[in-house]
Amino acid sequence: MSLFLVEYTYDPAKNAERDALRPDHRAWLGDLLERDIVVTSGPFADGLGALIIVDTADADTVALLFTHDPFAKADLVANIRITEWVPVLGQLA
């Protein structure tokens, strides 16, 4: 398996809509965490996005998987960037 960084960028104009769907979004992420697909996730302190670390086979799998996020289904993510990551030091290396 490989690690991927999934970076969400949010449109502040859609904050209320995201707030309404946040429980569904977190439940979806929680399921992926229980299945050892999501390593960790959380919003940026400025509220303009989030970072999710994913352990899966390839970038195509990540892209397909994240089409199922309730935020993505409701068009509440302005941009999604997926980057393969190779940690060399620390707990995830």
N, C-alpha and C. Protein backbone atom coordinates (compact mmCIF):
# COMPACT_ATOMS: atom_id res chain seq x y z
N MET A 1 0.82 -1.18 0.00
CA MET A 1 0.00 0.00 0.00
C MET A 1 0.87 1.26 0.00
N SER A 2 0.28 2.33 -0.45
CA SER A 2 0.96 3.62 -0.50
C SER A 2 0.15 4.63 0.29
N LEU A 3 0.84 5.68 0.74
CA LEU A 3 0.15 6.76 1.43
C LEU A 3 -0.11 7.90 0.45
N PHE A 4 -1.30 8.48 0.59
CA PHE A 4 -1.69 9.60 -0.25
C PHE A 4 -2.23 10.70 0.64
N LEU A 5 -1.91 11.94 0.27
CA LEU A 5 -2.46 13.11 0.92
C LEU A 5 -3.62 13.60 0.08
N VAL A 6 -4.76 13.73 0.70
CA VAL A 6 -5.94 14.27 0.03
C VAL A 6 -6.19 15.63 0.65
N GLU A 7 -6.00 16.67 -0.15
CA GLU A 7 -6.17 18.04 0.34
C GLU A 7 -7.45 18.63 -0.24
N TYR A 8 -8.33 19.01 0.66
CA TYR A 8 -9.57 19.68 0.27
C TYR A 8 -9.39 21.19 0.41
N THR A 9 -9.93 21.93 -0.54
CA THR A 9 -10.04 23.37 -0.45
C THR A 9 -11.53 23.68 -0.45
N TYR A 10 -11.95 24.53 0.51
CA TYR A 10 -13.36 24.86 0.66
C TYR A 10 -13.66 26.28 0.18
N ASP A 11 -14.88 26.46 -0.30
CA ASP A 11 -15.42 27.77 -0.63
C ASP A 11 -16.14 28.29 0.61
N PRO A 12 -15.66 29.39 1.22
CA PRO A 12 -16.30 29.89 2.44
C PRO A 12 -17.79 30.19 2.27
N ALA A 13 -18.23 30.45 1.07
CA ALA A 13 -19.65 30.73 0.83
C ALA A 13 -20.54 29.51 1.09
N LYS A 14 -19.92 28.33 1.18
CA LYS A 14 -20.69 27.09 1.39
C LYS A 14 -20.51 26.53 2.80
N ASN A 15 -20.03 27.36 3.73
CA ASN A 15 -19.81 26.89 5.10
C ASN A 15 -21.07 26.32 5.74
N ALA A 16 -22.19 26.98 5.59
CA ALA A 16 -23.43 26.52 6.22
C ALA A 16 -23.85 25.16 5.68
N GLU A 17 -23.70 24.96 4.38
CA GLU A 17 -24.04 23.68 3.79
C GLU A 17 -23.12 22.57 4.30
N ARG A 18 -21.82 22.89 4.43
CA ARG A 18 -20.87 21.90 4.97
C ARG A 18 -21.19 21.58 6.42
N ASP A 19 -21.53 22.62 7.20
CA ASP A 19 -21.89 22.39 8.60
C ASP A 19 -23.05 21.40 8.71
N ALA A 20 -24.03 21.54 7.83
CA ALA A 20 -25.21 20.66 7.86
C ALA A 20 -24.84 19.21 7.53
N LEU A 21 -23.86 19.02 6.64
CA LEU A 21 -23.47 17.67 6.22
C LEU A 21 -22.27 17.11 7.00
N ARG A 22 -21.70 17.91 7.89
CA ARG A 22 -20.49 17.48 8.61
C ARG A 22 -20.67 16.15 9.34
N PRO A 23 -21.80 15.89 10.02
CA PRO A 23 -21.94 14.59 10.68
C PRO A 23 -21.86 13.41 9.69
N ASP A 24 -22.47 13.57 8.52
CA ASP A 24 -22.40 12.50 7.50
C ASP A 24 -20.98 12.35 6.97
N HIS A 25 -20.31 13.46 6.74
CA HIS A 25 -18.92 13.45 6.26
C HIS A 25 -18.02 12.74 7.28
N ARG A 26 -18.17 13.08 8.55
CA ARG A 26 -17.33 12.46 9.58
C ARG A 26 -17.67 10.99 9.78
N ALA A 27 -18.92 10.61 9.64
CA ALA A 27 -19.29 9.20 9.73
C ALA A 27 -18.65 8.42 8.58
N TRP A 28 -18.66 9.00 7.38
CA TRP A 28 -18.03 8.37 6.21
C TRP A 28 -16.53 8.20 6.46
N LEU A 29 -15.87 9.25 6.95
CA LEU A 29 -14.44 9.15 7.26
C LEU A 29 -14.19 8.13 8.38
N GLY A 30 -15.07 8.11 9.39
CA GLY A 30 -14.93 7.17 10.49
C GLY A 30 -14.98 5.73 10.02
N ASP A 31 -15.86 5.45 9.06
CA ASP A 31 -15.91 4.10 8.48
C ASP A 31 -14.60 3.75 7.80
N LEU A 32 -14.04 4.71 7.05
CA LEU A 32 -12.76 4.46 6.37
C LEU A 32 -11.63 4.29 7.39
N LEU A 33 -11.70 4.99 8.50
CA LEU A 33 -10.71 4.84 9.56
C LEU A 33 -10.78 3.44 10.16
N GLU A 34 -11.99 2.97 10.44
CA GLU A 34 -12.17 1.62 10.98
C GLU A 34 -11.68 0.55 10.02
N ARG A 35 -11.74 0.83 8.73
CA ARG A 35 -11.30 -0.13 7.71
C ARG A 35 -9.81 0.03 7.38
N ASP A 36 -9.10 0.87 8.15
CA ASP A 36 -7.67 1.12 7.97
C ASP A 36 -7.32 1.70 6.61
N ILE A 37 -8.23 2.48 6.04
CA ILE A 37 -7.98 3.19 4.79
C ILE A 37 -7.54 4.62 5.10
N VAL A 38 -8.27 5.29 5.97
CA VAL A 38 -7.86 6.62 6.43
C VAL A 38 -6.92 6.45 7.62
N VAL A 39 -5.78 7.12 7.56
CA VAL A 39 -4.80 7.09 8.64
C VAL A 39 -5.13 8.19 9.65
N THR A 40 -5.41 9.38 9.16
CA THR A 40 -5.80 10.51 9.99
C THR A 40 -6.43 11.57 9.09
N SER A 41 -7.18 12.47 9.72
CA SER A 41 -7.78 13.56 8.95
C SER A 41 -8.11 14.71 9.88
N GLY A 42 -8.29 15.87 9.28
CA GLY A 42 -8.70 17.03 10.06
C GLY A 42 -8.69 18.29 9.23
N PRO A 43 -9.46 19.28 9.70
CA PRO A 43 -9.53 20.55 8.98
C PRO A 43 -8.30 21.41 9.25
N PHE A 44 -8.03 22.32 8.33
CA PHE A 44 -6.99 23.32 8.56
C PHE A 44 -7.53 24.33 9.57
N ALA A 45 -6.65 24.90 10.36
CA ALA A 45 -7.05 25.83 11.42
C ALA A 45 -7.81 27.05 10.89
N ASP A 46 -7.53 27.44 9.64
CA ASP A 46 -8.21 28.61 9.08
C ASP A 46 -9.60 28.28 8.52
N GLY A 47 -9.98 27.01 8.53
CA GLY A 47 -11.30 26.60 8.05
C GLY A 47 -11.46 26.56 6.55
N LEU A 48 -10.38 26.76 5.82
CA LEU A 48 -10.46 26.84 4.36
C LEU A 48 -10.19 25.52 3.65
N GLY A 49 -10.05 24.45 4.42
CA GLY A 49 -9.80 23.16 3.81
C GLY A 49 -9.51 22.11 4.84
N ALA A 50 -9.04 20.97 4.36
CA ALA A 50 -8.75 19.85 5.24
C ALA A 50 -7.69 18.97 4.59
N LEU A 51 -7.07 18.12 5.42
CA LEU A 51 -6.08 17.16 4.93
C LEU A 51 -6.47 15.79 5.46
N ILE A 52 -6.46 14.81 4.57
CA ILE A 52 -6.77 13.43 4.92
C ILE A 52 -5.63 12.58 4.40
N ILE A 53 -5.05 11.75 5.27
CA ILE A 53 -3.99 10.83 4.85
C ILE A 53 -4.62 9.46 4.66
N VAL A 54 -4.40 8.90 3.48
CA VAL A 54 -5.07 7.67 3.06
C VAL A 54 -4.02 6.62 2.72
N ASP A 55 -4.28 5.39 3.13
CA ASP A 55 -3.41 4.25 2.84
C ASP A 55 -4.15 3.33 1.89
N THR A 56 -3.76 3.37 0.62
CA THR A 56 -4.45 2.56 -0.39
C THR A 56 -3.51 2.25 -1.55
N ALA A 57 -4.01 1.55 -2.53
CA ALA A 57 -3.17 1.03 -3.60
C ALA A 57 -2.60 2.08 -4.55
N ASP A 58 -3.44 3.01 -4.99
CA ASP A 58 -2.99 3.97 -6.00
C ASP A 58 -3.89 5.20 -6.01
N ALA A 59 -3.46 6.21 -6.73
CA ALA A 59 -4.18 7.48 -6.78
C ALA A 59 -5.56 7.34 -7.42
N ASP A 60 -5.70 6.46 -8.39
CA ASP A 60 -7.01 6.26 -9.02
C ASP A 60 -8.02 5.72 -8.01
N THR A 61 -7.56 4.81 -7.15
CA THR A 61 -8.43 4.27 -6.10
C THR A 61 -8.85 5.37 -5.13
N VAL A 62 -7.92 6.23 -4.77
CA VAL A 62 -8.22 7.35 -3.87
C VAL A 62 -9.26 8.26 -4.52
N ALA A 63 -9.03 8.62 -5.77
CA ALA A 63 -9.95 9.52 -6.47
C ALA A 63 -11.36 8.94 -6.52
N LEU A 64 -11.48 7.67 -6.84
CA LEU A 64 -12.79 7.03 -6.89
C LEU A 64 -13.42 6.98 -5.51
N LEU A 65 -12.64 6.62 -4.52
CA LEU A 65 -13.14 6.54 -3.14
C LEU A 65 -13.72 7.87 -2.68
N PHE A 66 -13.04 8.97 -2.98
CA PHE A 66 -13.47 10.27 -2.48
C PHE A 66 -14.64 10.87 -3.25
N THR A 67 -15.08 10.23 -4.31
CA THR A 67 -16.33 10.66 -4.94
C THR A 67 -17.53 10.30 -4.06
N HIS A 68 -17.32 9.41 -3.08
CA HIS A 68 -18.39 8.96 -2.19
C HIS A 68 -18.53 9.80 -0.93
N ASP A 69 -17.62 10.74 -0.72
CA ASP A 69 -17.70 11.62 0.44
C ASP A 69 -18.97 12.47 0.32
N PRO A 70 -19.78 12.54 1.39
CA PRO A 70 -20.98 13.38 1.32
C PRO A 70 -20.68 14.83 0.93
N PHE A 71 -19.53 15.38 1.33
CA PHE A 71 -19.16 16.73 0.90
C PHE A 71 -18.99 16.78 -0.62
N ALA A 72 -18.32 15.79 -1.19
CA ALA A 72 -18.09 15.77 -2.64
C ALA A 72 -19.41 15.57 -3.39
N LYS A 73 -20.25 14.68 -2.88
CA LYS A 73 -21.54 14.42 -3.54
C LYS A 73 -22.40 15.68 -3.59
N ALA A 74 -22.28 16.53 -2.57
CA ALA A 74 -23.08 17.76 -2.51
C ALA A 74 -22.35 18.95 -3.13
N ASP A 75 -21.22 18.70 -3.79
CA ASP A 75 -20.43 19.75 -4.44
C ASP A 75 -20.00 20.84 -3.44
N LEU A 76 -19.50 20.39 -2.27
CA LEU A 76 -19.07 21.32 -1.23
C LEU A 76 -17.56 21.41 -1.09
N VAL A 77 -16.83 20.80 -2.01
CA VAL A 77 -15.38 20.88 -2.01
C VAL A 77 -14.97 21.61 -3.28
N ALA A 78 -14.34 22.76 -3.14
CA ALA A 78 -13.96 23.56 -4.31
C ALA A 78 -12.87 22.89 -5.12
N ASN A 79 -11.92 22.24 -4.43
CA ASN A 79 -10.81 21.59 -5.12
C ASN A 79 -10.32 20.42 -4.27
N ILE A 80 -9.99 19.34 -4.96
CA ILE A 80 -9.40 18.17 -4.30
C ILE A 80 -8.06 17.89 -4.97
N ARG A 81 -7.01 17.83 -4.15
CA ARG A 81 -5.67 17.53 -4.66
C ARG A 81 -5.21 16.23 -4.01
N ILE A 82 -4.80 15.27 -4.83
CA ILE A 82 -4.33 13.97 -4.34
C ILE A 82 -2.86 13.84 -4.70
N THR A 83 -2.04 13.60 -3.69
CA THR A 83 -0.59 13.50 -3.89
C THR A 83 -0.06 12.27 -3.19
N GLU A 84 0.69 11.45 -3.91
CA GLU A 84 1.35 10.32 -3.26
C GLU A 84 2.46 10.85 -2.37
N TRP A 85 2.59 10.25 -1.19
CA TRP A 85 3.54 10.75 -0.19
C TRP A 85 4.42 9.61 0.28
N VAL A 86 5.71 9.86 0.40
CA VAL A 86 6.68 8.86 0.84
C VAL A 86 7.36 9.36 2.11
N PRO A 87 6.79 9.07 3.29
CA PRO A 87 7.44 9.52 4.52
C PRO A 87 8.72 8.73 4.76
N VAL A 88 9.76 9.43 5.20
CA VAL A 88 11.05 8.76 5.45
C VAL A 88 11.46 8.79 6.91
N LEU A 89 10.82 9.66 7.69
CA LEU A 89 11.11 9.74 9.13
C LEU A 89 9.80 9.83 9.89
N GLY A 90 9.78 9.38 11.12
CA GLY A 90 8.61 9.55 11.97
C GLY A 90 7.71 8.33 12.01
N GLN A 91 6.57 8.50 12.65
CA GLN A 91 5.67 7.40 12.90
C GLN A 91 5.09 6.75 11.67
N LEU A 92 4.96 7.50 10.59
CA LEU A 92 4.36 6.94 9.37
C LEU A 92 5.38 6.41 8.37
N ALA A 93 6.67 6.52 8.72
CA ALA A 93 7.73 6.07 7.80
C ALA A 93 7.81 4.55 7.80
